[in-house]
Protein backbone atom coordinates (compact mmCIF):
# COMPACT_ATOMS: atom_id res chain seq x y z
CA MET A 1 -0.17 -6.53 -12.85
CA GLY A 2 -1.73 -7.53 -9.56
CA ARG A 3 -4.78 -9.58 -8.92
CA VAL A 4 -8.34 -8.34 -9.05
CA VAL A 5 -11.22 -9.43 -6.85
CA THR A 6 -14.66 -7.97 -6.42
CA VAL A 7 -14.78 -5.50 -3.55
CA ASN A 8 -17.79 -3.29 -2.96
CA HIS A 9 -16.05 0.09 -3.00
CA ALA A 10 -19.38 1.86 -2.54
CA ALA A 11 -20.12 0.11 0.79
CA PRO A 12 -20.24 2.23 3.95
CA THR A 13 -16.83 2.59 5.58
CA ASP A 14 -15.92 1.37 9.03
CA GLY A 15 -13.03 3.80 9.30
CA ALA A 16 -10.69 5.83 7.18
CA GLY A 17 -7.56 7.85 7.54
CA ALA A 18 -4.90 9.77 5.70
CA ILE A 19 -1.44 11.09 6.43
CA GLU A 20 0.92 13.23 4.41
CA LEU A 21 4.53 12.07 4.79
CA THR A 22 7.94 13.41 3.91
CA SER A 23 9.86 11.57 1.21
CA THR A 24 12.34 10.19 3.73
CA VAL A 25 12.95 6.67 5.06
CA GLY A 26 11.85 7.86 8.53
CA SER A 27 8.32 8.15 7.14
CA VAL A 28 7.96 4.36 6.92
CA PRO A 29 7.64 3.67 10.69
CA ARG A 30 5.50 6.80 11.05
CA ALA A 31 3.11 5.46 8.40
CA ARG A 32 2.98 2.04 10.08
CA HIS A 33 2.26 3.61 13.46
CA HIS A 34 -0.60 5.78 12.16
CA ILE A 35 -2.36 3.04 10.23
CA ALA A 36 -1.82 0.48 13.04
CA GLU A 37 -3.57 2.73 15.55
CA SER A 38 -6.50 3.19 13.19
CA LEU A 39 -6.83 -0.47 12.17
CA HIS A 40 -6.54 -1.92 15.67
CA GLY A 41 -9.68 0.01 16.60
CA ALA A 42 -11.61 -1.09 13.49
CA GLY A 43 -12.39 -4.64 14.60
CA LEU A 44 -10.24 -6.31 11.95
CA THR A 45 -8.58 -9.66 12.52
CA PRO A 46 -4.91 -9.55 13.56
CA VAL A 47 -3.90 -11.20 10.27
CA VAL A 48 -5.63 -8.50 8.21
CA VAL A 49 -4.01 -5.76 10.30
CA GLU A 50 -0.55 -7.34 9.96
CA ASN A 51 -0.96 -7.81 6.21
CA ALA A 52 -2.08 -4.18 5.87
CA LEU A 53 1.03 -3.09 7.78
CA ILE A 54 3.22 -5.18 5.48
CA VAL A 55 1.61 -3.58 2.42
CA VAL A 56 2.00 -0.06 3.84
CA THR A 57 5.64 -0.74 4.70
CA GLU A 58 6.42 -1.92 1.17
CA LEU A 59 4.46 0.79 -0.67
CA VAL A 60 5.73 3.71 1.41
CA THR A 61 9.30 2.37 1.22
CA ASN A 62 9.02 2.14 -2.57
CA ALA A 63 7.62 5.68 -2.73
CA VAL A 64 10.42 7.25 -0.69
CA LEU A 65 13.22 5.26 -2.34
CA HIS A 66 12.16 5.22 -5.99
CA ALA A 67 9.84 8.17 -6.68
CA ARG A 68 9.86 11.92 -6.74
CA PRO A 69 7.94 13.66 -3.95
CA LEU A 70 4.53 15.05 -4.78
CA ASN A 71 5.60 18.54 -3.74
CA GLY A 72 9.17 18.42 -5.08
CA GLY A 73 10.78 18.57 -1.62
CA THR A 74 10.91 16.90 1.78
CA ALA A 75 8.05 18.83 3.39
CA PRO A 76 5.01 16.83 4.50
CA GLY A 77 3.01 15.97 1.44
CA GLY A 78 5.84 14.31 -0.50
CA VAL A 79 4.02 10.98 -0.12
CA SER A 80 0.33 10.56 0.62
CA LEU A 81 -1.04 7.50 2.46
CA ARG A 82 -4.80 6.96 2.58
CA TRP A 83 -6.78 3.98 3.85
CA THR A 84 -10.40 2.99 4.18
CA VAL A 85 -11.87 0.06 6.09
CA VAL A 86 -14.93 -1.54 4.50
CA GLY A 87 -16.20 -4.58 6.38
CA GLU A 88 -13.27 -6.96 6.73
CA THR A 89 -11.09 -5.28 4.09
CA VAL A 90 -8.68 -2.36 4.05
CA MET A 91 -8.21 -0.29 0.89
CA ILE A 92 -4.78 1.35 0.86
CA ASP A 93 -3.51 4.09 -1.51
CA VAL A 94 0.05 5.41 -1.55
CA THR A 95 0.62 8.36 -3.88
CA ASP A 96 3.94 9.92 -4.86
CA GLY A 97 5.31 12.06 -7.67
CA GLY A 98 6.24 9.11 -9.88
CA GLY A 99 9.66 7.76 -10.67
CA ALA A 100 11.88 6.88 -13.58
CA GLU A 101 10.07 3.56 -13.96
CA HIS A 102 6.41 2.61 -13.63
CA PRO A 103 5.84 0.42 -10.53
CA ARG A 104 5.79 -3.25 -11.61
CA LEU A 105 6.45 -6.73 -10.31
CA GLN A 106 10.07 -7.75 -10.62
CA GLN A 107 11.80 -11.10 -10.42
CA PRO A 108 15.19 -10.33 -8.90
CA ALA A 109 17.95 -12.91 -8.79
CA THR A 110 18.23 -14.80 -5.51
CA ALA A 111 21.35 -12.88 -4.46
CA GLU A 112 19.87 -9.43 -5.15
CA ASP A 113 18.83 -7.49 -2.05
CA ALA A 114 16.15 -5.35 -3.70
CA GLY A 115 13.19 -5.64 -6.05
CA ARG A 116 10.80 -7.72 -3.95
CA GLY A 117 8.44 -5.05 -2.59
CA LEU A 118 5.58 -5.47 -5.04
CA ALA A 119 5.98 -9.26 -4.99
CA ILE A 120 5.37 -9.09 -1.24
CA VAL A 121 2.33 -6.86 -1.82
CA ASP A 122 1.09 -9.30 -4.46
CA ALA A 123 1.47 -12.18 -2.00
CA VAL A 124 -0.59 -10.65 0.83
CA ALA A 125 -3.11 -8.34 -0.91
CA LEU A 126 -6.38 -9.50 -2.41
CA GLU A 127 -5.81 -7.04 -5.25
CA TRP A 128 -3.42 -4.27 -6.16
CA GLY A 129 -2.68 -2.01 -9.08
CA VAL A 130 -1.25 1.29 -10.26
CA ARG A 131 -3.02 4.50 -11.30
CA THR A 132 -1.10 7.22 -13.12
CA GLU A 133 -2.17 10.85 -13.23
CA PRO A 134 -0.29 13.97 -14.28
CA ALA A 135 2.53 14.45 -11.72
CA ALA A 136 1.30 11.60 -9.48
CA VAL A 137 1.36 7.81 -9.30
CA THR A 138 -0.83 5.87 -6.87
CA VAL A 139 -0.29 2.25 -5.98
CA HIS A 140 -3.44 0.86 -4.42
CA ALA A 141 -4.05 -2.42 -2.64
CA VAL A 142 -6.93 -4.19 -0.95
CA VAL A 143 -6.11 -6.34 2.06
CA GLY A 144 -8.62 -8.68 3.63
CA PRO A 145 -9.16 -12.18 4.96
CA TRP A 146 -8.23 -15.11 2.75
CA GLU A 147 -7.34 -18.74 3.22
CA PRO A 148 -3.69 -19.41 2.25
CA ASP A 149 -4.55 -22.82 0.76
CA ALA A 150 -7.66 -21.65 -1.11
CA PRO A 151 -7.33 -20.75 -4.79
CA ARG A 152 -6.94 -17.00 -5.32
CA PRO A 153 -7.95 -15.07 -8.42
CA ALA A 154 -5.15 -14.78 -10.99
């Protein structure tokens, strides 16, 4: 489930942010807007910023479509988005109330119009994974620079 690379999580941060969102589809552009403002000022390359926005879009969309809200309703706090910039990487956490299924990579048929979110995250993130706690599930990802033709950790 996901790919793991070595990232110094104890390094000093170059920026961080958090936003509590409602469990509605309208939260997706709001999440993108908030993290974009923060990341554009953090000195990251445009590719890293765009990949972070792709990851946020997929993870927040999955949270609002497939999981229960953290607070059981549509008030802010149904989905939590947190990010931290360390050097050239962005660590992203999206937490929700969990769903009927544990988040996992899927391999949908070509004609299916859903089921590709975590495959997209897997394609652009350096690492990602899932943490489960009582009444909460967090999907985390690390986005940073990488060469598309270079071998990536499995």
